[in-house]
Amino acid sequence: MASIKKGDTVVLLTGKRTERGKTGIVLSVDRERNRVIVEGLNKVTKHTKVGETDRGAKTGGIETVEASIHISNVAVVDPSTKKPTRLGAKVETVTKNGVKKTVRTRVAKKSGKEI
């Protein structure tokens, strides 16, 4: 199970030499294929069919878009040290209005801070 979620800040561990070590925010997560799309990383040129809108403006052509990256090639950034870290879970029992609830929070393994 992938613990990376949309909106997390991640660092690229492997890949192109120019991209390795850069950070970005996760735009989407594909859980079936174990892939993530990270803002500003793994840009590729995509050729789209040229069309026309109702107003006559041209659409399509050559665009640069972010391609997906395998989830094992990125790591979540620790909020306190700004370095890559693994994630763990902390389970707490919280009592609210006389009702007990178990709450799971994601925790950075290196520093122990909540993410």
PDB file of N, CA and C in Angstrom:
ATOM      1  N   MET A   1       0.836  -1.185   0.000  1.00  0.00           N
ATOM      2  CA  MET A   1       0.000   0.000   0.000  1.00  0.00           C
ATOM      3  C   MET A   1       0.876   1.243   0.000  1.00  0.00           C
ATOM      4  N   ALA A   2       0.534   2.172  -0.848  1.00  0.00           N
ATOM      5  CA  ALA A   2       1.313   3.399  -0.967  1.00  0.00           C
ATOM      6  C   ALA A   2       0.889   4.392   0.112  1.00  0.00           C
ATOM      7  N   SER A   3       1.875   4.992   0.760  1.00  0.00           N
ATOM      8  CA  SER A   3       1.565   5.960   1.812  1.00  0.00           C
ATOM      9  C   SER A   3       1.714   7.392   1.321  1.00  0.00           C
ATOM     10  N   ILE A   4       2.071   7.572   0.060  1.00  0.00           N
ATOM     11  CA  ILE A   4       2.186   8.915  -0.512  1.00  0.00           C
ATOM     12  C   ILE A   4       0.810   9.349  -0.995  1.00  0.00           C
ATOM     13  N   LYS A   5       0.443  10.581  -0.645  1.00  0.00           N
ATOM     14  CA  LYS A   5      -0.870  11.097  -0.990  1.00  0.00           C
ATOM     15  C   LYS A   5      -0.750  12.372  -1.810  1.00  0.00           C
ATOM     16  N   LYS A   6      -1.851  12.760  -2.422  1.00  0.00           N
ATOM     17  CA  LYS A   6      -1.906  13.991  -3.189  1.00  0.00           C
ATOM     18  C   LYS A   6      -1.633  15.171  -2.256  1.00  0.00           C
ATOM     19  N   GLY A   7      -0.771  16.089  -2.700  1.00  0.00           N
ATOM     20  CA  GLY A   7      -0.432  17.257  -1.893  1.00  0.00           C
ATOM     21  C   GLY A   7       0.834  17.103  -1.082  1.00  0.00           C
ATOM     22  N   ASP A   8       1.403  15.896  -1.013  1.00  0.00           N
ATOM     23  CA  ASP A   8       2.660  15.679  -0.285  1.00  0.00           C
ATOM     24  C   ASP A   8       3.822  16.297  -1.051  1.00  0.00           C
ATOM     25  N   THR A   9       4.816  16.775  -0.320  1.00  0.00           N
ATOM     26  CA  THR A   9       6.060  17.235  -0.933  1.00  0.00           C
ATOM     27  C   THR A   9       7.011  16.053  -0.974  1.00  0.00           C
ATOM     28  N   VAL A  10       7.487  15.726  -2.192  1.00  0.00           N
ATOM     29  CA  VAL A  10       8.351  14.561  -2.357  1.00  0.00           C
ATOM     30  C   VAL A  10       9.643  14.974  -3.051  1.00  0.00           C
ATOM     31  N   VAL A  11      10.675  14.134  -2.901  1.00  0.00           N
ATOM     32  CA  VAL A  11      11.960  14.339  -3.564  1.00  0.00           C
ATOM     33  C   VAL A  11      12.189  13.151  -4.486  1.00  0.00           C
ATOM     34  N   LEU A  12      12.740  13.415  -5.668  1.00  0.00           N
ATOM     35  CA  LEU A  12      13.019  12.373  -6.638  1.00  0.00           C
ATOM     36  C   LEU A  12      14.339  11.704  -6.291  1.00  0.00           C
ATOM     37  N   LEU A  13      14.314  10.390  -6.059  1.00  0.00           N
ATOM     38  CA  LEU A  13      15.501   9.658  -5.644  1.00  0.00           C
ATOM     39  C   LEU A  13      16.320   9.171  -6.829  1.00  0.00           C
ATOM     40  N   THR A  14      15.668   8.710  -7.885  1.00  0.00           N
ATOM     41  CA  THR A  14      16.357   8.184  -9.054  1.00  0.00           C
ATOM     42  C   THR A  14      15.762   8.801 -10.305  1.00  0.00           C
ATOM     43  N   GLY A  15      16.483   8.664 -11.404  1.00  0.00           N
ATOM     44  CA  GLY A  15      15.984   9.179 -12.668  1.00  0.00           C
ATOM     45  C   GLY A  15      17.058   9.948 -13.405  1.00  0.00           C
ATOM     46  N   LYS A  16      16.629  10.910 -14.222  1.00  0.00           N
ATOM     47  CA  LYS A  16      17.573  11.706 -14.997  1.00  0.00           C
ATOM     48  C   LYS A  16      18.505  12.462 -14.063  1.00  0.00           C
ATOM     49  N   ARG A  17      19.745  12.643 -14.512  1.00  0.00           N
ATOM     50  CA  ARG A  17      20.725  13.341 -13.682  1.00  0.00           C
ATOM     51  C   ARG A  17      20.300  14.765 -13.362  1.00  0.00           C
ATOM     52  N   THR A  18      19.631  15.405 -14.312  1.00  0.00           N
ATOM     53  CA  THR A  18      19.204  16.789 -14.088  1.00  0.00           C
ATOM     54  C   THR A  18      18.010  16.875 -13.158  1.00  0.00           C
ATOM     55  N   GLU A  19      17.267  15.798 -13.019  1.00  0.00           N
ATOM     56  CA  GLU A  19      16.051  15.806 -12.197  1.00  0.00           C
ATOM     57  C   GLU A  19      16.283  15.262 -10.788  1.00  0.00           C
ATOM     58  N   ARG A  20      17.292  14.399 -10.617  1.00  0.00           N
ATOM     59  CA  ARG A  20      17.519  13.713  -9.346  1.00  0.00           C
ATOM     60  C   ARG A  20      17.762  14.710  -8.218  1.00  0.00           C
ATOM     61  N   GLY A  21      17.079  14.525  -7.105  1.00  0.00           N
ATOM     62  CA  GLY A  21      17.267  15.389  -5.949  1.00  0.00           C
ATOM     63  C   GLY A  21      16.313  16.568  -5.899  1.00  0.00           C
ATOM     64  N   LYS A  22      15.539  16.798  -6.960  1.00  0.00           N
ATOM     65  CA  LYS A  22      14.595  17.913  -6.971  1.00  0.00           C
ATOM     66  C   LYS A  22      13.332  17.536  -6.210  1.00  0.00           C
ATOM     67  N   THR A  23      12.659  18.557  -5.687  1.00  0.00           N
ATOM     68  CA  THR A  23      11.432  18.327  -4.940  1.00  0.00           C
ATOM     69  C   THR A  23      10.251  18.908  -5.695  1.00  0.00           C
ATOM     70  N   GLY A  24       9.080  18.383  -5.393  1.00  0.00           N
ATOM     71  CA  GLY A  24       7.845  18.859  -5.997  1.00  0.00           C
ATOM     72  C   GLY A  24       6.654  18.357  -5.211  1.00  0.00           C
ATOM     73  N   ILE A  25       5.486  18.853  -5.583  1.00  0.00           N
ATOM     74  CA  ILE A  25       4.246  18.479  -4.904  1.00  0.00           C
ATOM     75  C   ILE A  25       3.518  17.443  -5.757  1.00  0.00           C
ATOM     76  N   VAL A  26       2.984  16.418  -5.117  1.00  0.00           N
ATOM     77  CA  VAL A  26       2.277  15.351  -5.814  1.00  0.00           C
ATOM     78  C   VAL A  26       0.936  15.894  -6.312  1.00  0.00           C
ATOM     79  N   LEU A  27       0.716  15.773  -7.633  1.00  0.00           N
ATOM     80  CA  LEU A  27      -0.530  16.231  -8.236  1.00  0.00           C
ATOM     81  C   LEU A  27      -1.593  15.145  -8.245  1.00  0.00           C
ATOM     82  N   SER A  28      -1.168  13.894  -8.513  1.00  0.00           N
ATOM     83  CA  SER A  28      -2.112  12.782  -8.502  1.00  0.00           C
ATOM     84  C   SER A  28      -1.381  11.478  -8.217  1.00  0.00           C
ATOM     85  N   VAL A  29      -2.141  10.497  -7.723  1.00  0.00           N
ATOM     86  CA  VAL A  29      -1.601   9.188  -7.383  1.00  0.00           C
ATOM     87  C   VAL A  29      -2.453   8.136  -8.086  1.00  0.00           C
ATOM     88  N   ASP A  30      -1.804   7.236  -8.840  1.00  0.00           N
ATOM     89  CA  ASP A  30      -2.483   6.121  -9.487  1.00  0.00           C
ATOM     90  C   ASP A  30      -2.160   4.874  -8.673  1.00  0.00           C
ATOM     91  N   ARG A  31      -3.072   4.446  -7.822  1.00  0.00           N
ATOM     92  CA  ARG A  31      -2.830   3.336  -6.900  1.00  0.00           C
ATOM     93  C   ARG A  31      -2.788   1.985  -7.619  1.00  0.00           C
ATOM     94  N   GLU A  32      -3.490   1.845  -8.741  1.00  0.00           N
ATOM     95  CA  GLU A  32      -3.481   0.574  -9.467  1.00  0.00           C
ATOM     96  C   GLU A  32      -2.116   0.301 -10.092  1.00  0.00           C
ATOM     97  N   ARG A  33      -1.498   1.334 -10.669  1.00  0.00           N
ATOM     98  CA  ARG A  33      -0.212   1.178 -11.349  1.00  0.00           C
ATOM     99  C   ARG A  33       0.968   1.596 -10.484  1.00  0.00           C
ATOM    100  N   ASN A  34       0.725   2.037  -9.224  1.00  0.00           N
ATOM    101  CA  ASN A  34       1.770   2.488  -8.289  1.00  0.00           C
ATOM    102  C   ASN A  34       2.607   3.608  -8.883  1.00  0.00           C
ATOM    103  N   ARG A  35       1.953   4.631  -9.427  1.00  0.00           N
ATOM    104  CA  ARG A  35       2.662   5.744 -10.048  1.00  0.00           C
ATOM    105  C   ARG A  35       2.106   7.061  -9.522  1.00  0.00           C
ATOM    106  N   VAL A  36       2.970   8.090  -9.517  1.00  0.00           N
ATOM    107  CA  VAL A  36       2.570   9.429  -9.085  1.00  0.00           C
ATOM    108  C   VAL A  36       2.965  10.436 -10.159  1.00  0.00           C
ATOM    109  N   ILE A  37       2.237  11.551 -10.203  1.00  0.00           N
ATOM    110  CA  ILE A  37       2.598  12.671 -11.064  1.00  0.00           C
ATOM    111  C   ILE A  37       3.009  13.805 -10.138  1.00  0.00           C
ATOM    112  N   VAL A  38       4.252  14.289 -10.326  1.00  0.00           N
ATOM    113  CA  VAL A  38       4.819  15.313  -9.457  1.00  0.00           C
ATOM    114  C   VAL A  38       4.966  16.605 -10.249  1.00  0.00           C
ATOM    115  N   GLU A  39       4.562  17.708  -9.632  1.00  0.00           N
ATOM    116  CA  GLU A  39       4.588  19.011 -10.283  1.00  0.00           C
ATOM    117  C   GLU A  39       6.024  19.431 -10.604  1.00  0.00           C
ATOM    118  N   GLY A  40       6.296  19.692 -11.891  1.00  0.00           N
ATOM    119  CA  GLY A  40       7.584  20.197 -12.318  1.00  0.00           C
ATOM    120  C   GLY A  40       8.655  19.148 -12.552  1.00  0.00           C
ATOM    121  N   LEU A  41       8.366  17.869 -12.313  1.00  0.00           N
ATOM    122  CA  LEU A  41       9.358  16.811 -12.504  1.00  0.00           C
ATOM    123  C   LEU A  41       8.937  15.863 -13.622  1.00  0.00           C
ATOM    124  N   ASN A  42       9.919  15.254 -14.287  1.00  0.00           N
ATOM    125  CA  ASN A  42       9.713  14.273 -15.350  1.00  0.00           C
ATOM    126  C   ASN A  42       8.867  14.852 -16.487  1.00  0.00           C
ATOM    127  N   LYS A  43       9.271  16.028 -16.968  1.00  0.00           N
ATOM    128  CA  LYS A  43       8.538  16.682 -18.059  1.00  0.00           C
ATOM    129  C   LYS A  43       8.858  16.004 -19.382  1.00  0.00           C
ATOM    130  N   VAL A  44       7.835  15.766 -20.191  1.00  0.00           N
ATOM    131  CA  VAL A  44       7.978  15.183 -21.511  1.00  0.00           C
ATOM    132  C   VAL A  44       7.218  16.042 -22.514  1.00  0.00           C
ATOM    133  N   THR A  45       7.632  15.976 -23.797  1.00  0.00           N
ATOM    134  CA  THR A  45       6.903  16.695 -24.831  1.00  0.00           C
ATOM    135  C   THR A  45       5.839  15.765 -25.390  1.00  0.00           C
ATOM    136  N   LYS A  46       4.648  16.303 -25.546  1.00  0.00           N
ATOM    137  CA  LYS A  46       3.516  15.521 -26.007  1.00  0.00           C
ATOM    138  C   LYS A  46       2.926  16.212 -27.231  1.00  0.00           C
ATOM    139  N   HIS A  47       2.736  15.457 -28.283  1.00  0.00           N
ATOM    140  CA  HIS A  47       2.154  15.997 -29.511  1.00  0.00           C
ATOM    141  C   HIS A  47       0.651  15.733 -29.486  1.00  0.00           C
ATOM    142  N   THR A  48      -0.145  16.798 -29.517  1.00  0.00           N
ATOM    143  CA  THR A  48      -1.587  16.647 -29.520  1.00  0.00           C
ATOM    144  C   THR A  48      -2.141  17.149 -30.843  1.00  0.00           C
ATOM    145  N   LYS A  49      -3.242  16.564 -31.256  1.00  0.00           N
ATOM    146  CA  LYS A  49      -3.849  16.903 -32.532  1.00  0.00           C
ATOM    147  C   LYS A  49      -4.317  18.348 -32.529  1.00  0.00           C
ATOM    148  N   VAL A  50      -4.020  19.054 -33.595  1.00  0.00           N
ATOM    149  CA  VAL A  50      -4.405  20.460 -33.700  1.00  0.00           C
ATOM    150  C   VAL A  50      -5.891  20.529 -33.989  1.00  0.00           C
ATOM    151  N   GLY A  51      -6.569  21.353 -33.197  1.00  0.00           N
ATOM    152  CA  GLY A  51      -8.002  21.545 -33.377  1.00  0.00           C
ATOM    153  C   GLY A  51      -8.334  23.015 -33.315  1.00  0.00           C
ATOM    154  N   GLU A  52      -9.622  23.294 -33.261  1.00  0.00           N
ATOM    155  CA  GLU A  52     -10.077  24.679 -33.226  1.00  0.00           C
ATOM    156  C   GLU A  52     -11.244  24.780 -32.261  1.00  0.00           C
ATOM    157  N   THR A  53     -11.256  25.828 -31.448  1.00  0.00           N
ATOM    158  CA  THR A  53     -12.349  26.044 -30.518  1.00  0.00           C
ATOM    159  C   THR A  53     -13.500  26.746 -31.244  1.00  0.00           C
ATOM    160  N   ASP A  54     -14.584  26.987 -30.534  1.00  0.00           N
ATOM    161  CA  ASP A  54     -15.744  27.665 -31.119  1.00  0.00           C
ATOM    162  C   ASP A  54     -15.408  29.080 -31.563  1.00  0.00           C
ATOM    163  N   ARG A  55     -14.491  29.709 -30.879  1.00  0.00           N
ATOM    164  CA  ARG A  55     -14.129  31.096 -31.196  1.00  0.00           C
ATOM    165  C   ARG A  55     -13.073  31.189 -32.289  1.00  0.00           C
ATOM    166  N   GLY A  56     -12.538  30.071 -32.711  1.00  0.00           N
ATOM    167  CA  GLY A  56     -11.562  30.068 -33.787  1.00  0.00           C
ATOM    168  C   GLY A  56     -10.118  30.000 -33.333  1.00  0.00           C
ATOM    169  N   ALA A  57      -9.883  29.852 -32.025  1.00  0.00           N
ATOM    170  CA  ALA A  57      -8.519  29.767 -31.512  1.00  0.00           C
ATOM    171  C   ALA A  57      -7.977  28.361 -31.751  1.00  0.00           C
ATOM    172  N   LYS A  58      -6.698  28.280 -32.064  1.00  0.00           N
ATOM    173  CA  LYS A  58      -6.061  26.992 -32.326  1.00  0.00           C
ATOM    174  C   LYS A  58      -5.709  26.314 -31.012  1.00  0.00           C
ATOM    175  N   THR A  59      -5.915  25.017 -30.951  1.00  0.00           N
ATOM    176  CA  THR A  59      -5.519  24.227 -29.790  1.00  0.00           C
ATOM    177  C   THR A  59      -4.628  23.101 -30.267  1.00  0.00           C
ATOM    178  N   GLY A  60      -3.877  22.516 -29.350  1.00  0.00           N
ATOM    179  CA  GLY A  60      -3.024  21.386 -29.684  1.00  0.00           C
ATOM    180  C   GLY A  60      -1.628  21.820 -30.060  1.00  0.00           C
ATOM    181  N   GLY A  61      -0.909  20.920 -30.715  1.00  0.00           N
ATOM    182  CA  GLY A  61       0.480  21.170 -31.061  1.00  0.00           C
ATOM    183  C   GLY A  61       1.391  20.441 -30.104  1.00  0.00           C
ATOM    184  N   ILE A  62       2.574  20.998 -29.866  1.00  0.00           N
ATOM    185  CA  ILE A  62       3.551  20.375 -28.971  1.00  0.00           C
ATOM    186  C   ILE A  62       3.424  21.010 -27.592  1.00  0.00           C
ATOM    187  N   GLU A  63       3.173  20.169 -26.583  1.00  0.00           N
ATOM    188  CA  GLU A  63       3.028  20.633 -25.203  1.00  0.00           C
ATOM    189  C   GLU A  63       4.033  19.906 -24.331  1.00  0.00           C
ATOM    190  N   THR A  64       4.438  20.532 -23.229  1.00  0.00           N
ATOM    191  CA  THR A  64       5.263  19.839 -22.241  1.00  0.00           C
ATOM    192  C   THR A  64       4.394  19.572 -21.019  1.00  0.00           C
ATOM    193  N   VAL A  65       4.310  18.298 -20.647  1.00  0.00           N
ATOM    194  CA  VAL A  65       3.489  17.883 -19.516  1.00  0.00           C
ATOM    195  C   VAL A  65       4.310  16.986 -18.604  1.00  0.00           C
ATOM    196  N   GLU A  66       3.838  16.818 -17.372  1.00  0.00           N
ATOM    197  CA  GLU A  66       4.507  15.935 -16.421  1.00  0.00           C
ATOM    198  C   GLU A  66       4.073  14.497 -16.675  1.00  0.00           C
ATOM    199  N   ALA A  67       5.035  13.602 -16.771  1.00  0.00           N
ATOM    200  CA  ALA A  67       4.750  12.172 -16.927  1.00  0.00           C
ATOM    201  C   ALA A  67       4.777  11.521 -15.547  1.00  0.00           C
ATOM    202  N   SER A  68       4.204  10.330 -15.467  1.00  0.00           N
ATOM    203  CA  SER A  68       4.148   9.655 -14.175  1.00  0.00           C
ATOM    204  C   SER A  68       5.500   9.045 -13.810  1.00  0.00           C
ATOM    205  N   ILE A  69       5.720   8.894 -12.512  1.00  0.00           N
ATOM    206  CA  ILE A  69       6.948   8.330 -11.960  1.00  0.00           C
ATOM    207  C   ILE A  69       6.533   7.182 -11.041  1.00  0.00           C
ATOM    208  N   HIS A  70       7.311   6.103 -11.045  1.00  0.00           N
ATOM    209  CA  HIS A  70       6.977   5.001 -10.149  1.00  0.00           C
ATOM    210  C   HIS A  70       7.137   5.466  -8.704  1.00  0.00           C
ATOM    211  N   ILE A  71       6.237   4.991  -7.868  1.00  0.00           N
ATOM    212  CA  ILE A  71       6.158   5.471  -6.486  1.00  0.00           C
ATOM    213  C   ILE A  71       7.407   5.112  -5.679  1.00  0.00           C
ATOM    214  N   SER A  72       8.159   4.078  -6.108  1.00  0.00           N
ATOM    215  CA  SER A  72       9.362   3.695  -5.384  1.00  0.00           C
ATOM    216  C   SER A  72      10.522   4.647  -5.661  1.00  0.00           C
ATOM    217  N   ASN A  73      10.403   5.492  -6.676  1.00  0.00           N
ATOM    218  CA  ASN A  73      11.469   6.414  -7.030  1.00  0.00           C
ATOM    219  C   ASN A  73      11.339   7.779  -6.363  1.00  0.00           C
ATOM    220  N   VAL A  74      10.328   7.962  -5.536  1.00  0.00           N
ATOM    221  CA  VAL A  74      10.163   9.221  -4.805  1.00  0.00           C
ATOM    222  C   VAL A  74      10.050   8.924  -3.317  1.00  0.00           C
ATOM    223  N   ALA A  75      10.416   9.906  -2.491  1.00  0.00           N
ATOM    224  CA  ALA A  75      10.296   9.773  -1.036  1.00  0.00           C
ATOM    225  C   ALA A  75       9.722  11.061  -0.478  1.00  0.00           C
ATOM    226  N   VAL A  76       8.937  10.942   0.572  1.00  0.00           N
ATOM    227  CA  VAL A  76       8.326  12.101   1.220  1.00  0.00           C
ATOM    228  C   VAL A  76       9.410  12.899   1.924  1.00  0.00           C
ATOM    229  N   VAL A  77       9.290  14.239   1.875  1.00  0.00           N
ATOM    230  CA  VAL A  77      10.259  15.119   2.516  1.00  0.00           C
ATOM    231  C   VAL A  77       9.850  15.328   3.974  1.00  0.00           C
ATOM    232  N   ASP A  78      10.804  15.137   4.874  1.00  0.00           N
ATOM    233  CA  ASP A  78      10.588  15.355   6.302  1.00  0.00           C
ATOM    234  C   ASP A  78      10.384  16.847   6.534  1.00  0.00           C
ATOM    235  N   PRO A  79       9.313  17.252   7.222  1.00  0.00           N
ATOM    236  CA  PRO A  79       9.045  18.689   7.396  1.00  0.00           C
ATOM    237  C   PRO A  79      10.089  19.422   8.233  1.00  0.00           C
ATOM    238  N   SER A  80      10.769  18.725   9.139  1.00  0.00           N
ATOM    239  CA  SER A  80      11.718  19.424  10.001  1.00  0.00           C
ATOM    240  C   SER A  80      13.126  19.477   9.409  1.00  0.00           C
ATOM    241  N   THR A  81      13.576  18.398   8.758  1.00  0.00           N
ATOM    242  CA  THR A  81      14.947  18.364   8.247  1.00  0.00           C
ATOM    243  C   THR A  81      15.046  18.653   6.756  1.00  0.00           C
ATOM    244  N   LYS A  82      13.911  18.644   6.043  1.00  0.00           N
ATOM    245  CA  LYS A  82      13.866  18.872   4.590  1.00  0.00           C
ATOM    246  C   LYS A  82      14.648  17.817   3.812  1.00  0.00           C
ATOM    247  N   LYS A  83      14.762  16.606   4.374  1.00  0.00           N
ATOM    248  CA  LYS A  83      15.444  15.494   3.723  1.00  0.00           C
ATOM    249  C   LYS A  83      14.442  14.354   3.520  1.00  0.00           C
ATOM    250  N   PRO A  84      14.737  13.432   2.584  1.00  0.00           N
ATOM    251  CA  PRO A  84      13.800  12.327   2.359  1.00  0.00           C
ATOM    252  C   PRO A  84      13.711  11.404   3.568  1.00  0.00           C
ATOM    253  N   THR A  85      12.509  10.890   3.793  1.00  0.00           N
ATOM    254  CA  THR A  85      12.277  10.001   4.921  1.00  0.00           C
ATOM    255  C   THR A  85      11.226   8.966   4.563  1.00  0.00           C
ATOM    256  N   ARG A  86      11.181   7.900   5.340  1.00  0.00           N
ATOM    257  CA  ARG A  86      10.115   6.920   5.199  1.00  0.00           C
ATOM    258  C   ARG A  86       8.988   7.306   6.132  1.00  0.00           C
ATOM    259  N   LEU A  87       7.826   6.706   5.922  1.00  0.00           N
ATOM    260  CA  LEU A  87       6.661   7.043   6.728  1.00  0.00           C
ATOM    261  C   LEU A  87       6.243   5.876   7.604  1.00  0.00           C
ATOM    262  N   GLY A  88       5.724   6.210   8.770  1.00  0.00           N
ATOM    263  CA  GLY A  88       5.155   5.233   9.672  1.00  0.00           C
ATOM    264  C   GLY A  88       3.793   5.731  10.115  1.00  0.00           C
ATOM    265  N   ALA A  89       3.124   4.967  10.920  1.00  0.00           N
ATOM    266  CA  ALA A  89       1.805   5.346  11.402  1.00  0.00           C
ATOM    267  C   ALA A  89       1.788   5.337  12.923  1.00  0.00           C
ATOM    268  N   LYS A  90       1.132   6.331  13.497  1.00  0.00           N
ATOM    269  CA  LYS A  90       0.963   6.403  14.945  1.00  0.00           C
ATOM    270  C   LYS A  90      -0.530   6.294  15.219  1.00  0.00           C
ATOM    271  N   VAL A  91      -0.903   5.335  16.051  1.00  0.00           N
ATOM    272  CA  VAL A  91      -2.311   5.097  16.362  1.00  0.00           C
ATOM    273  C   VAL A  91      -2.592   5.650  17.757  1.00  0.00           C
ATOM    274  N   GLU A  92      -3.599   6.500  17.851  1.00  0.00           N
ATOM    275  CA  GLU A  92      -3.980   7.100  19.130  1.00  0.00           C
ATOM    276  C   GLU A  92      -5.468   6.876  19.363  1.00  0.00           C
ATOM    277  N   THR A  93      -5.840   6.797  20.625  1.00  0.00           N
ATOM    278  CA  THR A  93      -7.251   6.725  20.992  1.00  0.00           C
ATOM    279  C   THR A  93      -7.670   8.083  21.519  1.00  0.00           C
ATOM    280  N   VAL A  94      -8.624   8.689  20.848  1.00  0.00           N
ATOM    281  CA  VAL A  94      -9.075  10.032  21.206  1.00  0.00           C
ATOM    282  C   VAL A  94     -10.511   9.944  21.697  1.00  0.00           C
ATOM    283  N   THR A  95     -10.785  10.611  22.837  1.00  0.00           N
ATOM    284  CA  THR A  95     -12.138  10.657  23.365  1.00  0.00           C
ATOM    285  C   THR A  95     -12.732  12.025  23.083  1.00  0.00           C
ATOM    286  N   LYS A  96     -13.844  12.017  22.341  1.00  0.00           N
ATOM    287  CA  LYS A  96     -14.508  13.275  21.989  1.00  0.00           C
ATOM    288  C   LYS A  96     -15.993  13.109  22.243  1.00  0.00           C
ATOM    289  N   ASN A  97     -16.536  13.953  23.134  1.00  0.00           N
ATOM    290  CA  ASN A  97     -17.954  13.907  23.527  1.00  0.00           C
ATOM    291  C   ASN A  97     -18.350  12.533  24.077  1.00  0.00           C
ATOM    292  N   GLY A  98     -17.462  11.920  24.815  1.00  0.00           N
ATOM    293  CA  GLY A  98     -17.736  10.627  25.422  1.00  0.00           C
ATOM    294  C   GLY A  98     -17.603   9.442  24.482  1.00  0.00           C
ATOM    295  N   VAL A  99     -17.167   9.674  23.238  1.00  0.00           N
ATOM    296  CA  VAL A  99     -17.024   8.596  22.261  1.00  0.00           C
ATOM    297  C   VAL A  99     -15.541   8.384  21.984  1.00  0.00           C
ATOM    298  N   LYS A 100     -15.094   7.128  22.085  1.00  0.00           N
ATOM    299  CA  LYS A 100     -13.689   6.822  21.818  1.00  0.00           C
ATOM    300  C   LYS A 100     -13.508   6.532  20.337  1.00  0.00           C
ATOM    301  N   LYS A 101     -12.454   7.098  19.784  1.00  0.00           N
ATOM    302  CA  LYS A 101     -12.128   6.893  18.377  1.00  0.00           C
ATOM    303  C   LYS A 101     -10.654   6.604  18.246  1.00  0.00           C
ATOM    304  N   THR A 102     -10.282   5.699  17.324  1.00  0.00           N
ATOM    305  CA  THR A 102      -8.875   5.484  17.050  1.00  0.00           C
ATOM    306  C   THR A 102      -8.498   6.311  15.824  1.00  0.00           C
ATOM    307  N   VAL A 103      -7.435   7.089  15.964  1.00  0.00           N
ATOM    308  CA  VAL A 103      -6.998   7.994  14.902  1.00  0.00           C
ATOM    309  C   VAL A 103      -5.593   7.593  14.483  1.00  0.00           C
ATOM    310  N   ARG A 104      -5.407   7.398  13.165  1.00  0.00           N
ATOM    311  CA  ARG A 104      -4.081   7.077  12.624  1.00  0.00           C
ATOM    312  C   ARG A 104      -3.508   8.328  11.990  1.00  0.00           C
ATOM    313  N   THR A 105      -2.277   8.657  12.337  1.00  0.00           N
ATOM    314  CA  THR A 105      -1.594   9.791  11.730  1.00  0.00           C
ATOM    315  C   THR A 105      -0.293   9.315  11.123  1.00  0.00           C
ATOM    316  N   ARG A 106       0.111   9.929  10.018  1.00  0.00           N
ATOM    317  CA  ARG A 106       1.371   9.576   9.366  1.00  0.00           C
ATOM    318  C   ARG A 106       2.513  10.303  10.057  1.00  0.00           C
ATOM    319  N   VAL A 107       3.605   9.578  10.288  1.00  0.00           N
ATOM    320  CA  VAL A 107       4.733  10.098  11.048  1.00  0.00           C
ATOM    321  C   VAL A 107       6.017   9.849  10.255  1.00  0.00           C
ATOM    322  N   ALA A 108       6.902  10.830  10.242  1.00  0.00           N
ATOM    323  CA  ALA A 108       8.220  10.669   9.610  1.00  0.00           C
ATOM    324  C   ALA A 108       9.077   9.776  10.483  1.00  0.00           C
ATOM    325  N   LYS A 109       9.736   8.768   9.867  1.00  0.00           N
ATOM    326  CA  LYS A 109      10.545   7.822  10.645  1.00  0.00           C
ATOM    327  C   LYS A 109      11.792   8.459  11.226  1.00  0.00           C
ATOM    328  N   LYS A 110      12.414   9.404  10.504  1.00  0.00           N
ATOM    329  CA  LYS A 110      13.666   9.994  10.979  1.00  0.00           C
ATOM    330  C   LYS A 110      13.461  10.914  12.165  1.00  0.00           C
ATOM    331  N   SER A 111      12.484  11.787  12.106  1.00  0.00           N
ATOM    332  CA  SER A 111      12.319  12.778  13.161  1.00  0.00           C
ATOM    333  C   SER A 111      11.165  12.500  14.101  1.00  0.00           C
ATOM    334  N   GLY A 112      10.208  11.691  13.699  1.00  0.00           N
ATOM    335  CA  GLY A 112       9.045  11.419  14.534  1.00  0.00           C
ATOM    336  C   GLY A 112       7.968  12.469  14.434  1.00  0.00           C
ATOM    337  N   LYS A 113       8.129  13.465  13.556  1.00  0.00           N
ATOM    338  CA  LYS A 113       7.129  14.525  13.404  1.00  0.00           C
ATOM    339  C   LYS A 113       5.970  14.058  12.540  1.00  0.00           C
ATOM    340  N   GLU A 114       4.789  14.603  12.804  1.00  0.00           N
ATOM    341  CA  GLU A 114       3.608  14.274  12.017  1.00  0.00           C
ATOM    342  C   GLU A 114       3.667  14.968  10.661  1.00  0.00           C
ATOM    343  N   ILE A 115       3.112  14.277   9.670  1.00  0.00           N
ATOM    344  CA  ILE A 115       3.087  14.851   8.321  1.00  0.00           C
ATOM    345  C   ILE A 115       1.646  15.133   7.958  1.00  0.00           C
TER     346      ILE A 115
END
